N, C-alpha and C. Protein backbone atom coordinates (compact mmCIF):
# COMPACT_ATOMS: atom_id res chain seq x y z
N MET A 1 99.39 74.65 97.05
CA MET A 1 99.56 76.28 97.20
C MET A 1 101.20 76.56 96.84
N PRO A 2 101.68 77.41 95.99
CA PRO A 2 102.97 77.63 95.86
C PRO A 2 103.61 78.61 96.63
N TYR A 3 102.74 79.05 96.91
CA TYR A 3 102.91 80.11 98.29
C TYR A 3 101.63 80.95 98.93
N ASP A 4 101.98 81.58 99.75
CA ASP A 4 101.34 81.64 100.99
C ASP A 4 100.62 83.43 100.70
N PRO A 5 99.17 83.60 99.97
CA PRO A 5 99.10 84.79 99.29
C PRO A 5 98.76 85.80 100.70
N ALA A 6 98.90 85.86 102.04
CA ALA A 6 99.25 86.54 102.89
C ALA A 6 100.33 87.03 103.10
N ILE A 7 101.55 86.04 102.60
CA ILE A 7 103.08 86.17 102.86
C ILE A 7 102.99 87.44 101.34
N LEU A 8 102.17 87.26 100.13
CA LEU A 8 102.71 88.13 99.45
C LEU A 8 102.13 89.23 99.57
N ASP A 9 100.76 89.71 99.97
CA ASP A 9 100.58 90.89 100.72
C ASP A 9 101.60 91.51 101.68
N MET A 10 102.23 90.76 102.61
CA MET A 10 103.03 91.86 103.66
C MET A 10 104.30 91.97 102.38
N LEU A 11 104.72 91.32 101.66
CA LEU A 11 105.91 91.91 100.98
C LEU A 11 105.22 93.30 99.97
N ARG A 12 104.54 93.18 99.31
CA ARG A 12 103.34 94.39 98.78
C ARG A 12 103.61 95.37 99.82
N ASP A 13 103.05 95.42 101.17
CA ASP A 13 102.94 96.53 101.90
C ASP A 13 104.32 97.05 102.08
N ALA A 14 105.25 96.15 102.33
CA ALA A 14 106.31 96.61 102.90
C ALA A 14 107.32 96.99 101.46
N CYS A 15 107.35 96.89 100.53
CA CYS A 15 107.73 97.33 99.27
C CYS A 15 107.31 98.84 98.37
N ALA A 16 106.04 98.92 99.46
CA ALA A 16 104.98 100.03 98.90
C ALA A 16 105.85 101.22 98.06
N ASP A 17 106.84 101.32 99.22
CA ASP A 17 107.74 103.09 98.63
C ASP A 17 108.37 102.84 97.43
N TRP A 18 108.80 101.47 96.48
CA TRP A 18 109.42 101.47 95.84
C TRP A 18 108.45 101.12 94.19
N PRO A 19 108.78 101.40 93.01
CA PRO A 19 107.74 101.32 91.86
C PRO A 19 107.89 100.02 91.58
N THR A 20 107.99 98.92 92.22
CA THR A 20 107.57 97.43 91.43
C THR A 20 106.26 96.95 91.14
N THR A 21 106.88 96.07 90.12
CA THR A 21 106.24 95.17 89.48
C THR A 21 105.70 93.80 90.12
N GLU A 22 104.85 92.71 89.28
CA GLU A 22 104.90 91.72 89.81
C GLU A 22 104.78 90.78 88.66
N ARG A 23 105.54 89.58 89.05
CA ARG A 23 105.71 88.58 88.01
C ARG A 23 105.81 87.26 88.33
N LYS A 24 105.10 86.32 87.61
CA LYS A 24 105.53 84.71 88.36
C LYS A 24 106.79 84.13 87.99
N MET A 25 107.62 83.30 89.02
CA MET A 25 108.78 83.22 88.72
C MET A 25 108.75 81.97 89.90
N PHE A 26 109.67 81.17 89.63
CA PHE A 26 109.72 80.13 90.28
C PHE A 26 108.69 79.05 90.63
N GLY A 27 107.62 79.17 89.72
CA GLY A 27 106.48 78.64 90.50
C GLY A 27 105.83 79.56 92.00
N SER A 28 105.84 80.75 91.85
CA SER A 28 105.62 81.41 92.70
C SER A 28 105.27 82.63 92.04
N HIS A 29 105.60 83.93 93.10
CA HIS A 29 104.74 85.26 92.86
C HIS A 29 106.04 86.16 93.54
N CYS A 30 106.52 87.05 92.42
CA CYS A 30 107.39 87.60 93.28
C CYS A 30 107.63 89.20 92.37
N LEU A 31 108.39 90.24 93.31
CA LEU A 31 107.96 91.95 93.05
C LEU A 31 109.05 92.47 92.16
N MET A 32 109.12 93.03 91.32
CA MET A 32 110.38 93.39 90.49
C MET A 32 110.65 94.61 90.55
N LEU A 33 111.64 94.79 90.63
CA LEU A 33 112.07 96.21 90.31
C LEU A 33 112.97 96.18 89.01
N ASP A 34 112.99 97.58 88.39
CA ASP A 34 113.43 97.80 87.12
C ASP A 34 113.86 96.21 86.02
N GLY A 35 112.45 95.51 86.42
CA GLY A 35 112.87 94.07 85.65
C GLY A 35 113.39 93.09 86.31
N HIS A 36 114.01 93.54 87.40
CA HIS A 36 114.76 92.37 88.20
C HIS A 36 113.87 92.01 89.15
N MET A 37 113.94 90.45 89.80
CA MET A 37 113.53 90.25 91.42
C MET A 37 113.82 90.70 92.38
N LEU A 38 113.06 91.49 93.23
CA LEU A 38 113.27 91.73 94.23
C LEU A 38 113.51 90.88 95.89
N VAL A 39 111.81 90.64 95.74
CA VAL A 39 111.65 89.81 96.96
C VAL A 39 110.30 89.01 96.02
N GLY A 40 109.84 88.09 96.62
CA GLY A 40 108.92 86.88 96.21
C GLY A 40 108.50 86.19 97.38
N ALA A 41 106.95 85.56 97.52
CA ALA A 41 106.68 84.95 98.20
C ALA A 41 106.83 83.58 97.52
N TRP A 42 107.01 82.45 98.52
CA TRP A 42 107.68 81.17 98.33
C TRP A 42 107.09 80.15 99.38
N HIS A 43 106.09 79.55 98.82
CA HIS A 43 105.69 78.51 99.59
C HIS A 43 105.02 79.24 101.49
N GLU A 44 105.67 78.78 102.19
CA GLU A 44 105.29 79.41 103.82
C GLU A 44 106.03 80.26 104.23
N GLY A 45 107.29 81.03 103.23
CA GLY A 45 108.13 81.75 103.32
C GLY A 45 108.21 83.07 102.15
N TRP A 46 109.52 83.59 102.06
CA TRP A 46 110.06 84.45 100.67
C TRP A 46 111.02 84.51 100.81
N LEU A 47 111.65 85.04 99.89
CA LEU A 47 112.45 84.83 99.12
C LEU A 47 113.27 86.61 99.00
N ALA A 48 114.40 86.85 98.99
CA ALA A 48 115.36 88.28 98.88
C ALA A 48 116.13 88.04 97.60
N ARG A 49 116.24 88.49 96.59
CA ARG A 49 117.75 88.83 95.76
C ARG A 49 118.59 89.70 96.37
N VAL A 50 119.61 88.84 97.54
CA VAL A 50 120.59 90.17 97.67
C VAL A 50 121.73 90.07 97.34
N GLY A 51 121.97 89.54 96.23
CA GLY A 51 123.30 89.32 95.08
C GLY A 51 124.37 88.24 96.17
N PRO A 52 125.46 88.29 95.03
CA PRO A 52 125.99 87.03 95.66
C PRO A 52 127.32 87.92 97.04
N ASP A 53 127.46 89.18 96.96
CA ASP A 53 128.06 89.78 97.99
C ASP A 53 127.11 90.17 99.55
N GLY A 54 126.04 90.09 98.95
CA GLY A 54 124.85 90.35 100.35
C GLY A 54 124.65 88.63 101.40
N MET A 55 125.29 87.94 100.46
CA MET A 55 124.60 86.66 101.14
C MET A 55 125.56 86.18 102.54
N ALA A 56 126.41 86.76 102.80
CA ALA A 56 126.88 86.71 104.39
C ALA A 56 125.60 87.13 105.54
N ALA A 57 125.53 88.57 104.89
CA ALA A 57 124.83 89.28 106.09
C ALA A 57 123.49 88.79 105.60
N ALA A 58 123.08 87.97 104.65
CA ALA A 58 121.85 87.82 104.84
C ALA A 58 121.65 86.57 105.31
N LEU A 59 122.91 85.77 105.34
CA LEU A 59 122.73 84.33 106.27
C LEU A 59 122.62 84.65 107.80
N GLU A 60 123.81 85.57 108.10
CA GLU A 60 123.57 85.78 109.71
C GLU A 60 122.04 86.63 110.16
N LEU A 61 121.09 86.98 108.92
CA LEU A 61 119.81 87.40 109.40
C LEU A 61 118.87 86.03 109.79
N GLY A 62 119.54 85.27 109.57
CA GLY A 62 118.74 83.82 109.87
C GLY A 62 118.28 83.20 108.95
N THR A 63 118.47 83.72 107.46
CA THR A 63 117.97 82.92 106.30
C THR A 63 118.68 81.85 106.09
N GLU A 64 118.21 81.17 104.46
CA GLU A 64 119.33 80.22 104.23
C GLU A 64 119.01 80.35 102.80
N PRO A 65 119.94 79.62 101.91
CA PRO A 65 120.61 79.79 100.63
C PRO A 65 118.83 79.32 99.71
N PHE A 66 118.63 79.79 99.02
CA PHE A 66 117.64 79.34 98.10
C PHE A 66 118.05 78.44 97.21
N ALA A 67 117.64 77.02 97.59
CA ALA A 67 118.17 75.83 96.67
C ALA A 67 116.86 75.17 96.02
N PRO A 68 116.17 75.64 95.19
CA PRO A 68 115.11 74.62 94.71
C PRO A 68 115.70 73.14 94.07
N ALA A 69 115.50 72.60 94.28
CA ALA A 69 115.84 71.29 93.47
C ALA A 69 117.04 70.58 93.91
N GLY A 70 117.60 71.22 95.09
CA GLY A 70 118.47 70.84 95.87
C GLY A 70 119.84 71.52 95.20
N ARG A 71 120.06 72.84 94.19
CA ARG A 71 120.60 73.20 94.17
C ARG A 71 120.55 74.90 94.17
N PRO A 72 121.42 75.63 95.01
CA PRO A 72 121.29 77.03 95.57
C PRO A 72 121.70 77.65 94.42
N MET A 73 120.77 78.75 94.53
CA MET A 73 120.81 79.81 93.77
C MET A 73 121.54 80.68 94.25
N ASN A 74 122.68 81.02 93.76
CA ASN A 74 123.72 82.30 94.44
C ASN A 74 123.21 83.91 94.23
N GLY A 75 123.15 84.27 95.46
CA GLY A 75 122.25 85.50 95.68
C GLY A 75 121.48 85.38 95.67
N ILE A 76 120.43 84.37 95.78
CA ILE A 76 118.78 84.63 96.54
C ILE A 76 118.83 84.10 97.78
N VAL A 77 117.86 84.33 98.87
CA VAL A 77 118.06 83.60 100.14
C VAL A 77 116.43 83.30 100.43
N LEU A 78 116.19 82.05 101.44
CA LEU A 78 114.93 82.25 101.80
C LEU A 78 114.81 82.43 102.95
N ALA A 79 114.00 83.17 103.59
CA ALA A 79 113.29 83.14 104.75
C ALA A 79 112.13 83.06 105.27
N ASP A 80 111.77 82.70 106.20
CA ASP A 80 110.81 82.27 106.59
C ASP A 80 109.87 83.27 107.15
N ALA A 81 108.42 82.90 107.74
CA ALA A 81 107.31 83.84 107.41
C ALA A 81 107.49 84.87 108.51
N GLU A 82 107.72 84.33 109.77
CA GLU A 82 108.94 84.90 110.97
C GLU A 82 109.77 86.37 110.87
N ALA A 83 110.35 86.14 109.68
CA ALA A 83 111.26 87.44 109.62
C ALA A 83 110.56 88.29 108.65
N LEU A 84 109.67 87.82 108.25
CA LEU A 84 108.57 89.30 107.65
C LEU A 84 107.84 90.20 108.66
N GLU A 85 107.62 89.36 109.66
CA GLU A 85 106.69 89.39 110.94
C GLU A 85 107.55 90.57 111.72
N ASN A 86 108.84 90.26 111.40
CA ASN A 86 110.09 90.59 112.25
C ASN A 86 110.41 91.80 111.71
N PRO A 87 110.22 93.37 111.75
CA PRO A 87 110.43 94.66 111.14
C PRO A 87 111.89 94.51 110.88
N ASP A 88 112.37 94.75 111.95
CA ASP A 88 113.81 94.73 111.96
C ASP A 88 114.88 93.61 110.90
N GLN A 89 114.56 92.28 111.01
CA GLN A 89 115.02 91.28 109.79
C GLN A 89 114.07 91.56 108.50
N ARG A 90 112.87 92.05 108.63
CA ARG A 90 112.28 92.54 107.46
C ARG A 90 112.84 93.67 106.49
N ASP A 91 113.28 94.47 107.12
CA ASP A 91 113.64 95.81 106.52
C ASP A 91 114.89 95.70 106.18
N ASP A 92 116.13 94.64 107.26
CA ASP A 92 117.36 94.61 106.76
C ASP A 92 117.60 93.92 105.53
N LEU A 93 116.70 92.95 105.60
CA LEU A 93 116.85 92.20 104.00
C LEU A 93 116.10 92.86 103.31
N ILE A 94 115.13 93.24 103.21
CA ILE A 94 114.81 94.18 102.08
C ILE A 94 115.93 95.11 101.64
N ALA A 95 116.61 95.67 102.52
CA ALA A 95 117.61 96.46 102.21
C ALA A 95 118.69 96.24 101.26
N LEU A 96 119.16 94.68 102.03
CA LEU A 96 119.97 94.38 101.20
C LEU A 96 119.36 93.80 99.80
N ALA A 97 118.65 93.37 99.58
CA ALA A 97 118.03 93.32 98.24
C ALA A 97 117.75 94.37 97.48
N LEU A 98 117.54 95.85 98.04
CA LEU A 98 117.45 96.89 97.36
C LEU A 98 118.69 97.35 96.82
N ARG A 99 119.54 97.21 97.64
CA ARG A 99 120.60 97.78 97.43
C ARG A 99 121.68 96.69 96.26
N PHE A 100 121.15 95.74 95.93
CA PHE A 100 122.24 94.62 94.91
C PHE A 100 121.03 95.13 93.92
N VAL A 101 120.02 94.95 94.19
CA VAL A 101 118.68 95.20 92.50
C VAL A 101 119.24 96.46 92.30
N SER A 102 119.22 97.62 92.75
CA SER A 102 119.39 99.06 92.39
C SER A 102 120.65 99.23 91.55
N SER A 103 121.52 97.90 92.33
CA SER A 103 123.38 98.06 91.20
C SER A 103 122.83 97.63 90.14
N LEU A 104 122.07 97.00 89.72
CA LEU A 104 121.91 96.49 88.27
C LEU A 104 121.01 97.43 87.33
N PRO A 105 121.69 97.38 85.81
CA PRO A 105 120.74 98.32 84.64
C PRO A 105 119.20 97.58 84.64
N PRO A 106 118.33 98.58 84.59
CA PRO A 106 117.24 98.12 84.54
C PRO A 106 116.99 97.14 83.27
N LYS A 107 116.16 96.40 82.98
CA LYS A 107 115.92 95.41 81.41
C LYS A 107 114.71 96.63 80.96
């Protein structure tokens, strides 16, 4: 199983206020905003696209750099399921992702 469907459902609920679409990416399932990845379910955790400038703040929230195949992807962090269940941590990470993705031109 590439991702936990319960995590995807929690991400959908957490992002219900924004006009997201869904797309399969990284062998997983992501929520997109204006054509850009915002967050996604990943194995037993989830991804947030916080951008290069948001990495330090995201890492302080207990995430780690997303490194599929051992190479970190700058600007994307991996959080565990507990970070999704903790409203403060979840909302802070999603806010970082929204700030970055909203700064990008729509695709």
